[in-house]
Structure formats: structure tokens, C-alpha cells
Amino acid sequence: MAMSFFDQFASPTYMGIPLIAISIALPWVLYPTPTTRWLNNRMLTLQGWLMNRFTSQLMISLNVKGHKWAMLFLSLMIFLITINMLGLLPYTFTPTTQLSMNMGLAVPMWLATVIIGMRNQPTIALGHLLPEGTPVLLIPVLIIIETISLFIRPLALGVRLTANLTAGHLLIQLIATAVFVLLPLMPTVAILTAAILFLLTILEVAVAMIQAYVFVLLLSLYLQENV
């Protein structure tokens, strides 16, 4: 039975039981557990250094109130990077190619930033809907446009992550299929195509990390407007 290129994005099941929960929870086992010793091994030292660098870079633009979100943003960043990277391995499933999951991450986080702004500084939060110095005739139109752009933010977060990962997986599968088809017919062209596939895989590794960083960075910018 011929399989579609989009079958790789279908949620795996075993005896009718969805396995997406296992694919989401299992990556956490791969990370080493911190110890109480004064000196750690190289893996724990590198892990701690990367976490500190990311947290300090992310919290630069936030005030002291926004620093309470540091652990949440760090956990979300590690979670997305791990799932995106493991999804590049053969015969694996990438949960972040599912729009429903990405929206499930984006909508609550975005809504939390909006609620915090409305509760702590409602005047400033509502002031973002109307830029200063707007002509009177354009006030109703700009309020509508800014309100729509505000509600589009979580959709943009989820769709951006889904689209980039889905496009990368499809492109890798298409080029890999071309390599297998061309190998018995034109070996030279197949080797060149395989080299392109190798470079594309390296690019997708970078995209997997960058998209996770962009997802969390945009959430921190939304938080910055409301704290």
C-alpha cells in the first residue's frame, strides 16, 4: 500500500491507544539529573552553562516582575528543542508538527500575559491598542486593527512553529525519496542529491533550535508589554 508523504505527521497509535503522550513525556528522561556534589561532570556543567546563558539573554529586556517567568520559559525552551531535535531522527514522531499541540502551548501562555497586563496596568495595556498621536478619524479603524493583531498573536506562534517544522520534514523526505529513486539510474546525480540532503539536515537541526528560541522569545516580548 502506497503511503502519503503526510502520513509521517499522523499521531501514532498502538491498539487504538494514542502514543503522543509518551512521545511528549519520554524526552525528559534523556536529561541528566543534577547532583548535590560541588563538582559535576562535563555534561551537567555544559547543561547548566547553556541554561544560564539562555535565561540571562531572555531576561535582559524584562523587569524584576518578569523574572518570575524565567523557569517557565526555560522549561518550555528545553521542551521544544528536545522534541524538535528528536523528530529529525528516522522513524520518530514530532509532536510539534501538530497545530493542536502548538496552539495548546501558545494560547494559554499568550492569554496569561494579557491577563497580567489587564490586571496590573489596565491603562497601559489598553493603550497599546491606540498609538499616540493618531488622527481622530483613524481612531476606530486603528483600534479594530490592533485588536485583531492582538488576537492573531497566538495563532501566529502556533502556525509558525508548525509550518517550519512540517516544511522541513517534507523537504527531507522528498529529497531522500529522490536519492533512492536516482541511485540505480544515475548514481552521480544521486550522490550529489545525497550531499544536498546532508546539508539540508544540518539546516533543519538549526531550524529546530531557532524555532524553539523564537517561540519563547516572542512570548517574552508579549510579557514585556504587560509587566
C-alpha atoms as a PDB file:
ATOM      1  CA  MET A   1       0.000   0.000   0.000  1.00  0.00           C
ATOM      2  CA  ALA A   2       1.471   3.331  -1.058  1.00  0.00           C
ATOM      3  CA  MET A   3       1.949   5.809   1.773  1.00  0.00           C
ATOM      4  CA  SER A   4       1.451   9.530   1.508  1.00  0.00           C
ATOM      5  CA  PHE A   5       4.184  11.999   2.403  1.00  0.00           C
ATOM      6  CA  PHE A   6       1.871  13.369   5.093  1.00  0.00           C
ATOM      7  CA  ASP A   7       1.499  10.022   6.868  1.00  0.00           C
ATOM      8  CA  GLN A   8       4.589  10.845   8.927  1.00  0.00           C
ATOM      9  CA  PHE A   9       2.597  13.602  10.660  1.00  0.00           C
ATOM     10  CA  ALA A  10      -0.210  11.294  11.789  1.00  0.00           C
ATOM     11  CA  SER A  11      -0.289  10.691  15.528  1.00  0.00           C
ATOM     12  CA  PRO A  12       0.992   7.153  16.252  1.00  0.00           C
ATOM     13  CA  THR A  13      -1.385   4.668  17.874  1.00  0.00           C
ATOM     14  CA  TYR A  14      -0.979   1.176  19.296  1.00  0.00           C
ATOM     15  CA  MET A  15      -4.106  -0.987  19.569  1.00  0.00           C
ATOM     16  CA  GLY A  16      -6.180   2.160  19.229  1.00  0.00           C
ATOM     17  CA  ILE A  17      -4.323   3.957  22.047  1.00  0.00           C
ATOM     18  CA  PRO A  18      -2.685   7.304  21.062  1.00  0.00           C
ATOM     19  CA  LEU A  19       1.029   7.358  21.815  1.00  0.00           C
ATOM     20  CA  ILE A  20       1.512  11.119  21.559  1.00  0.00           C
ATOM     21  CA  ALA A  21       1.595  11.408  25.372  1.00  0.00           C
ATOM     22  CA  ILE A  22       4.588   9.050  25.502  1.00  0.00           C
ATOM     23  CA  SER A  23       6.375  10.938  22.732  1.00  0.00           C
ATOM     24  CA  ILE A  24       5.892  14.157  24.718  1.00  0.00           C
ATOM     25  CA  ALA A  25       6.909  12.824  28.138  1.00  0.00           C
ATOM     26  CA  LEU A  26       9.766  10.471  27.172  1.00  0.00           C
ATOM     27  CA  PRO A  27      12.364  13.109  26.099  1.00  0.00           C
ATOM     28  CA  TRP A  28      12.679  14.346  29.689  1.00  0.00           C
ATOM     29  CA  VAL A  29      14.365  11.048  30.598  1.00  0.00           C
ATOM     30  CA  LEU A  30      17.316  11.938  28.356  1.00  0.00           C
ATOM     31  CA  TYR A  31      18.480  14.849  30.525  1.00  0.00           C
ATOM     32  CA  PRO A  32      20.911  14.127  33.378  1.00  0.00           C
ATOM     33  CA  THR A  33      19.698  14.770  36.916  1.00  0.00           C
ATOM     34  CA  PRO A  34      21.667  17.432  38.864  1.00  0.00           C
ATOM     35  CA  THR A  35      23.672  16.153  41.811  1.00  0.00           C
ATOM     36  CA  THR A  36      24.461  17.655  45.216  1.00  0.00           C
ATOM     37  CA  ARG A  37      28.216  17.441  44.626  1.00  0.00           C
ATOM     38  CA  TRP A  38      30.379  20.522  44.364  1.00  0.00           C
ATOM     39  CA  LEU A  39      31.913  19.310  41.118  1.00  0.00           C
ATOM     40  CA  ASN A  40      29.742  17.996  38.287  1.00  0.00           C
ATOM     41  CA  ASN A  41      30.647  16.063  35.174  1.00  0.00           C
ATOM     42  CA  ARG A  42      31.092  17.753  31.799  1.00  0.00           C
ATOM     43  CA  MET A  43      27.520  17.060  30.673  1.00  0.00           C
ATOM     44  CA  LEU A  44      25.946  18.690  33.735  1.00  0.00           C
ATOM     45  CA  THR A  45      28.364  21.617  33.546  1.00  0.00           C
ATOM     46  CA  LEU A  46      27.540  22.245  29.880  1.00  0.00           C
ATOM     47  CA  GLN A  47      23.819  21.884  30.556  1.00  0.00           C
ATOM     48  CA  GLY A  48      23.957  24.394  33.425  1.00  0.00           C
ATOM     49  CA  TRP A  49      26.032  26.854  31.390  1.00  0.00           C
ATOM     50  CA  LEU A  50      23.610  26.757  28.454  1.00  0.00           C
ATOM     51  CA  MET A  51      20.621  27.224  30.754  1.00  0.00           C
ATOM     52  CA  ASN A  52      22.235  30.197  32.485  1.00  0.00           C
ATOM     53  CA  ARG A  53      23.168  31.828  29.170  1.00  0.00           C
ATOM     54  CA  PHE A  54      19.692  31.406  27.742  1.00  0.00           C
ATOM     55  CA  THR A  55      17.979  32.676  30.898  1.00  0.00           C
ATOM     56  CA  SER A  56      20.205  35.747  31.175  1.00  0.00           C
ATOM     57  CA  GLN A  57      19.732  36.539  27.467  1.00  0.00           C
ATOM     58  CA  LEU A  58      15.953  36.186  27.724  1.00  0.00           C
ATOM     59  CA  MET A  59      15.549  38.210  30.913  1.00  0.00           C
ATOM     60  CA  ILE A  60      17.579  41.241  29.770  1.00  0.00           C
ATOM     61  CA  SER A  61      14.538  43.079  28.394  1.00  0.00           C
ATOM     62  CA  LEU A  62      12.252  42.207  31.335  1.00  0.00           C
ATOM     63  CA  ASN A  63      11.979  43.973  34.669  1.00  0.00           C
ATOM     64  CA  VAL A  64      12.121  42.251  38.054  1.00  0.00           C
ATOM     65  CA  LYS A  65       8.450  41.231  37.934  1.00  0.00           C
ATOM     66  CA  GLY A  66       9.009  39.410  34.671  1.00  0.00           C
ATOM     67  CA  HIS A  67      11.872  37.355  36.129  1.00  0.00           C
ATOM     68  CA  LYS A  68       9.290  35.108  37.811  1.00  0.00           C
ATOM     69  CA  TRP A  69       8.676  33.614  34.362  1.00  0.00           C
ATOM     70  CA  ALA A  70      12.313  32.560  33.884  1.00  0.00           C
ATOM     71  CA  MET A  71      11.830  28.936  34.951  1.00  0.00           C
ATOM     72  CA  LEU A  72       8.689  28.555  32.840  1.00  0.00           C
ATOM     73  CA  PHE A  73      10.342  29.975  29.724  1.00  0.00           C
ATOM     74  CA  LEU A  74      13.468  27.869  30.264  1.00  0.00           C
ATOM     75  CA  SER A  75      11.432  24.674  30.656  1.00  0.00           C
ATOM     76  CA  LEU A  76       9.397  25.475  27.542  1.00  0.00           C
ATOM     77  CA  MET A  77      12.565  26.180  25.547  1.00  0.00           C
ATOM     78  CA  ILE A  78      14.199  22.881  26.546  1.00  0.00           C
ATOM     79  CA  PHE A  79      10.957  21.012  25.865  1.00  0.00           C
ATOM     80  CA  LEU A  80      10.573  22.402  22.344  1.00  0.00           C
ATOM     81  CA  ILE A  81      14.232  21.964  21.402  1.00  0.00           C
ATOM     82  CA  THR A  82      14.261  18.357  22.604  1.00  0.00           C
ATOM     83  CA  ILE A  83      11.108  17.373  20.724  1.00  0.00           C
ATOM     84  CA  ASN A  84      12.183  19.201  17.561  1.00  0.00           C
ATOM     85  CA  MET A  85      15.628  17.575  17.559  1.00  0.00           C
ATOM     86  CA  LEU A  86      14.358  14.060  18.293  1.00  0.00           C
ATOM     87  CA  GLY A  87      11.820  14.447  15.492  1.00  0.00           C
ATOM     88  CA  LEU A  88      14.694  14.589  12.988  1.00  0.00           C
ATOM     89  CA  LEU A  89      15.698  11.009  13.793  1.00  0.00           C
ATOM     90  CA  PRO A  90      14.422   8.258  11.469  1.00  0.00           C
ATOM     91  CA  TYR A  91      11.176   6.501  12.399  1.00  0.00           C
ATOM     92  CA  THR A  92      10.237   9.078  15.023  1.00  0.00           C
ATOM     93  CA  PHE A  93       7.170  11.253  15.509  1.00  0.00           C
ATOM     94  CA  THR A  94       7.396  15.010  16.047  1.00  0.00           C
ATOM     95  CA  PRO A  95       4.539  16.275  18.265  1.00  0.00           C
ATOM     96  CA  THR A  96       5.355  19.902  17.391  1.00  0.00           C
ATOM     97  CA  THR A  97       4.221  19.309  13.799  1.00  0.00           C
ATOM     98  CA  GLN A  98       0.676  19.131  15.210  1.00  0.00           C
ATOM     99  CA  LEU A  99      -1.031  22.520  15.141  1.00  0.00           C
ATOM    100  CA  SER A 100      -3.318  21.495  18.004  1.00  0.00           C
ATOM    101  CA  MET A 101      -0.379  20.935  20.337  1.00  0.00           C
ATOM    102  CA  ASN A 102       1.378  24.164  19.376  1.00  0.00           C
ATOM    103  CA  MET A 103      -1.827  26.137  19.849  1.00  0.00           C
ATOM    104  CA  GLY A 104      -2.259  24.411  23.202  1.00  0.00           C
ATOM    105  CA  LEU A 105       1.103  25.849  24.210  1.00  0.00           C
ATOM    106  CA  ALA A 106       0.702  29.287  22.604  1.00  0.00           C
ATOM    107  CA  VAL A 107      -2.846  30.257  23.627  1.00  0.00           C
ATOM    108  CA  PRO A 108      -2.546  29.769  27.436  1.00  0.00           C
ATOM    109  CA  MET A 109       0.848  31.492  27.573  1.00  0.00           C
ATOM    110  CA  TRP A 110      -0.329  34.439  25.470  1.00  0.00           C
ATOM    111  CA  LEU A 111      -3.568  34.688  27.457  1.00  0.00           C
ATOM    112  CA  ALA A 112      -1.608  34.727  30.726  1.00  0.00           C
ATOM    113  CA  THR A 113       0.468  37.703  29.554  1.00  0.00           C
ATOM    114  CA  VAL A 114      -2.684  39.587  28.506  1.00  0.00           C
ATOM    115  CA  ILE A 115      -4.454  38.879  31.802  1.00  0.00           C
ATOM    116  CA  ILE A 116      -1.405  40.037  33.776  1.00  0.00           C
ATOM    117  CA  GLY A 117      -1.333  43.291  31.836  1.00  0.00           C
ATOM    118  CA  MET A 118      -5.075  43.903  32.271  1.00  0.00           C
ATOM    119  CA  ARG A 119      -4.856  43.207  36.000  1.00  0.00           C
ATOM    120  CA  ASN A 120      -1.675  45.094  36.903  1.00  0.00           C
ATOM    121  CA  GLN A 121      -1.736  48.035  34.471  1.00  0.00           C
ATOM    122  CA  PRO A 122      -5.021  48.148  32.524  1.00  0.00           C
ATOM    123  CA  THR A 123      -4.474  51.690  31.230  1.00  0.00           C
ATOM    124  CA  ILE A 124      -1.098  50.883  29.683  1.00  0.00           C
ATOM    125  CA  ALA A 125      -2.323  47.540  28.358  1.00  0.00           C
ATOM    126  CA  LEU A 126      -5.294  49.153  26.629  1.00  0.00           C
ATOM    127  CA  GLY A 127      -3.057  51.989  25.448  1.00  0.00           C
ATOM    128  CA  HIS A 128      -1.239  49.556  23.145  1.00  0.00           C
ATOM    129  CA  LEU A 129      -4.420  49.387  21.051  1.00  0.00           C
ATOM    130  CA  LEU A 130      -4.148  53.065  20.101  1.00  0.00           C
ATOM    131  CA  PRO A 131      -0.753  54.583  19.147  1.00  0.00           C
ATOM    132  CA  GLU A 132      -0.057  58.071  20.459  1.00  0.00           C
ATOM    133  CA  GLY A 133      -0.796  60.950  18.080  1.00  0.00           C
ATOM    134  CA  THR A 134      -3.358  59.069  15.985  1.00  0.00           C
ATOM    135  CA  PRO A 135      -5.762  61.325  13.995  1.00  0.00           C
ATOM    136  CA  VAL A 136      -9.321  61.316  15.317  1.00  0.00           C
ATOM    137  CA  LEU A 137     -10.793  59.872  12.131  1.00  0.00           C
ATOM    138  CA  LEU A 138      -8.436  56.865  12.248  1.00  0.00           C
ATOM    139  CA  ILE A 139      -9.014  56.013  15.914  1.00  0.00           C
ATOM    140  CA  PRO A 140     -11.868  53.462  15.360  1.00  0.00           C
ATOM    141  CA  VAL A 141     -10.041  51.778  12.472  1.00  0.00           C
ATOM    142  CA  LEU A 142      -6.735  51.508  14.355  1.00  0.00           C
ATOM    143  CA  ILE A 143      -8.426  50.119  17.457  1.00  0.00           C
ATOM    144  CA  ILE A 144     -10.018  47.377  15.356  1.00  0.00           C
ATOM    145  CA  ILE A 145      -6.738  46.620  13.557  1.00  0.00           C
ATOM    146  CA  GLU A 146      -4.700  46.486  16.793  1.00  0.00           C
ATOM    147  CA  THR A 147      -7.326  44.297  18.476  1.00  0.00           C
ATOM    148  CA  ILE A 148      -7.232  41.848  15.568  1.00  0.00           C
ATOM    149  CA  SER A 149      -3.432  41.806  15.624  1.00  0.00           C
ATOM    150  CA  LEU A 150      -3.530  41.129  19.366  1.00  0.00           C
ATOM    151  CA  PHE A 151      -5.760  38.068  18.949  1.00  0.00           C
ATOM    152  CA  ILE A 152      -3.734  36.815  15.970  1.00  0.00           C
ATOM    153  CA  ARG A 153      -0.556  36.557  18.071  1.00  0.00           C
ATOM    154  CA  PRO A 154      -1.170  33.042  19.483  1.00  0.00           C
ATOM    155  CA  LEU A 155      -2.260  31.821  16.056  1.00  0.00           C
ATOM    156  CA  ALA A 156       0.952  33.186  14.541  1.00  0.00           C
ATOM    157  CA  LEU A 157       3.025  31.461  17.230  1.00  0.00           C
ATOM    158  CA  GLY A 158       1.437  28.072  16.637  1.00  0.00           C
ATOM    159  CA  VAL A 159       1.307  28.272  12.838  1.00  0.00           C
ATOM    160  CA  ARG A 160       4.925  29.491  12.557  1.00  0.00           C
ATOM    161  CA  LEU A 161       6.290  26.564  14.556  1.00  0.00           C
ATOM    162  CA  THR A 162       4.065  24.023  12.795  1.00  0.00           C
ATOM    163  CA  ALA A 163       4.730  25.314   9.282  1.00  0.00           C
ATOM    164  CA  ASN A 164       8.518  25.496   9.613  1.00  0.00           C
ATOM    165  CA  LEU A 165       8.885  22.003  11.039  1.00  0.00           C
ATOM    166  CA  THR A 166       6.364  20.468   8.641  1.00  0.00           C
ATOM    167  CA  ALA A 167       8.032  22.065   5.610  1.00  0.00           C
ATOM    168  CA  GLY A 168      11.451  20.847   6.715  1.00  0.00           C
ATOM    169  CA  HIS A 169      10.283  17.270   7.270  1.00  0.00           C
ATOM    170  CA  LEU A 170       8.520  17.187   3.903  1.00  0.00           C
ATOM    171  CA  LEU A 171      11.568  18.549   2.088  1.00  0.00           C
ATOM    172  CA  ILE A 172      13.856  15.990   3.718  1.00  0.00           C
ATOM    173  CA  GLN A 173      11.500  13.161   2.777  1.00  0.00           C
ATOM    174  CA  LEU A 174      11.161  14.363  -0.806  1.00  0.00           C
ATOM    175  CA  ILE A 175      14.931  14.622  -1.335  1.00  0.00           C
ATOM    176  CA  ALA A 176      15.551  11.265   0.393  1.00  0.00           C
ATOM    177  CA  THR A 177      12.982   9.645  -1.912  1.00  0.00           C
ATOM    178  CA  ALA A 178      14.717  11.204  -4.918  1.00  0.00           C
ATOM    179  CA  VAL A 179      18.048   9.751  -3.775  1.00  0.00           C
ATOM    180  CA  PHE A 180      16.633   6.203  -3.607  1.00  0.00           C
ATOM    181  CA  VAL A 181      14.949   6.565  -6.993  1.00  0.00           C
ATOM    182  CA  LEU A 182      18.003   8.028  -8.738  1.00  0.00           C
ATOM    183  CA  LEU A 183      20.599   5.708  -7.218  1.00  0.00           C
ATOM    184  CA  PRO A 184      20.162   2.780  -9.677  1.00  0.00           C
ATOM    185  CA  LEU A 185      19.503   5.093 -12.637  1.00  0.00           C
ATOM    186  CA  MET A 186      22.016   7.939 -12.221  1.00  0.00           C
ATOM    187  CA  PRO A 187      24.464   7.257  -9.385  1.00  0.00           C
ATOM    188  CA  THR A 188      26.357  10.524  -9.835  1.00  0.00           C
ATOM    189  CA  VAL A 189      23.212  12.627  -9.577  1.00  0.00           C
ATOM    190  CA  ALA A 190      22.091  10.526  -6.602  1.00  0.00           C
ATOM    191  CA  ILE A 191      25.360  11.222  -4.772  1.00  0.00           C
ATOM    192  CA  LEU A 192      25.023  14.960  -5.389  1.00  0.00           C
ATOM    193  CA  THR A 193      21.428  14.808  -4.172  1.00  0.00           C
ATOM    194  CA  ALA A 194      22.560  12.932  -1.058  1.00  0.00           C
ATOM    195  CA  ALA A 195      25.075  15.711  -0.364  1.00  0.00           C
ATOM    196  CA  ILE A 196      22.263  18.257  -0.625  1.00  0.00           C
ATOM    197  CA  LEU A 197      20.226  16.087   1.749  1.00  0.00           C
ATOM    198  CA  PHE A 198      23.074  16.107   4.273  1.00  0.00           C
ATOM    199  CA  LEU A 199      23.336  19.902   4.141  1.00  0.00           C
ATOM    200  CA  LEU A 200      19.564  20.221   4.431  1.00  0.00           C
ATOM    201  CA  THR A 201      19.577  18.005   7.519  1.00  0.00           C
ATOM    202  CA  ILE A 202      22.150  20.272   9.162  1.00  0.00           C
ATOM    203  CA  LEU A 203      19.973  23.243   8.254  1.00  0.00           C
ATOM    204  CA  GLU A 204      16.930  21.559   9.799  1.00  0.00           C
ATOM    205  CA  VAL A 205      18.833  20.993  13.031  1.00  0.00           C
ATOM    206  CA  ALA A 206      19.465  24.739  13.174  1.00  0.00           C
ATOM    207  CA  VAL A 207      15.826  25.469  12.296  1.00  0.00           C
ATOM    208  CA  ALA A 208      14.640  23.148  15.082  1.00  0.00           C
ATOM    209  CA  MET A 209      16.640  25.112  17.656  1.00  0.00           C
ATOM    210  CA  ILE A 210      15.908  28.547  16.205  1.00  0.00           C
ATOM    211  CA  GLN A 211      12.141  27.980  16.044  1.00  0.00           C
ATOM    212  CA  ALA A 212      12.047  26.916  19.682  1.00  0.00           C
ATOM    213  CA  TYR A 213      14.030  30.022  20.640  1.00  0.00           C
ATOM    214  CA  VAL A 214      11.795  32.301  18.541  1.00  0.00           C
ATOM    215  CA  PHE A 215       8.657  30.805  20.130  1.00  0.00           C
ATOM    216  CA  VAL A 216       9.875  31.579  23.653  1.00  0.00           C
ATOM    217  CA  LEU A 217      11.414  34.926  22.661  1.00  0.00           C
ATOM    218  CA  LEU A 218       8.107  36.203  21.253  1.00  0.00           C
ATOM    219  CA  LEU A 219       6.316  35.130  24.423  1.00  0.00           C
ATOM    220  CA  SER A 220       8.853  37.104  26.457  1.00  0.00           C
ATOM    221  CA  LEU A 221       8.238  40.163  24.254  1.00  0.00           C
ATOM    222  CA  TYR A 222       4.493  39.837  24.814  1.00  0.00           C
ATOM    223  CA  LEU A 223       5.185  39.620  28.551  1.00  0.00           C
ATOM    224  CA  GLN A 224       7.417  42.695  28.373  1.00  0.00           C
ATOM    225  CA  GLU A 225       4.481  44.773  27.151  1.00  0.00           C
ATOM    226  CA  ASN A 226       2.371  43.794  30.153  1.00  0.00           C
ATOM    227  CA  VAL A 227       4.714  43.917  33.170  1.00  0.00           C
END
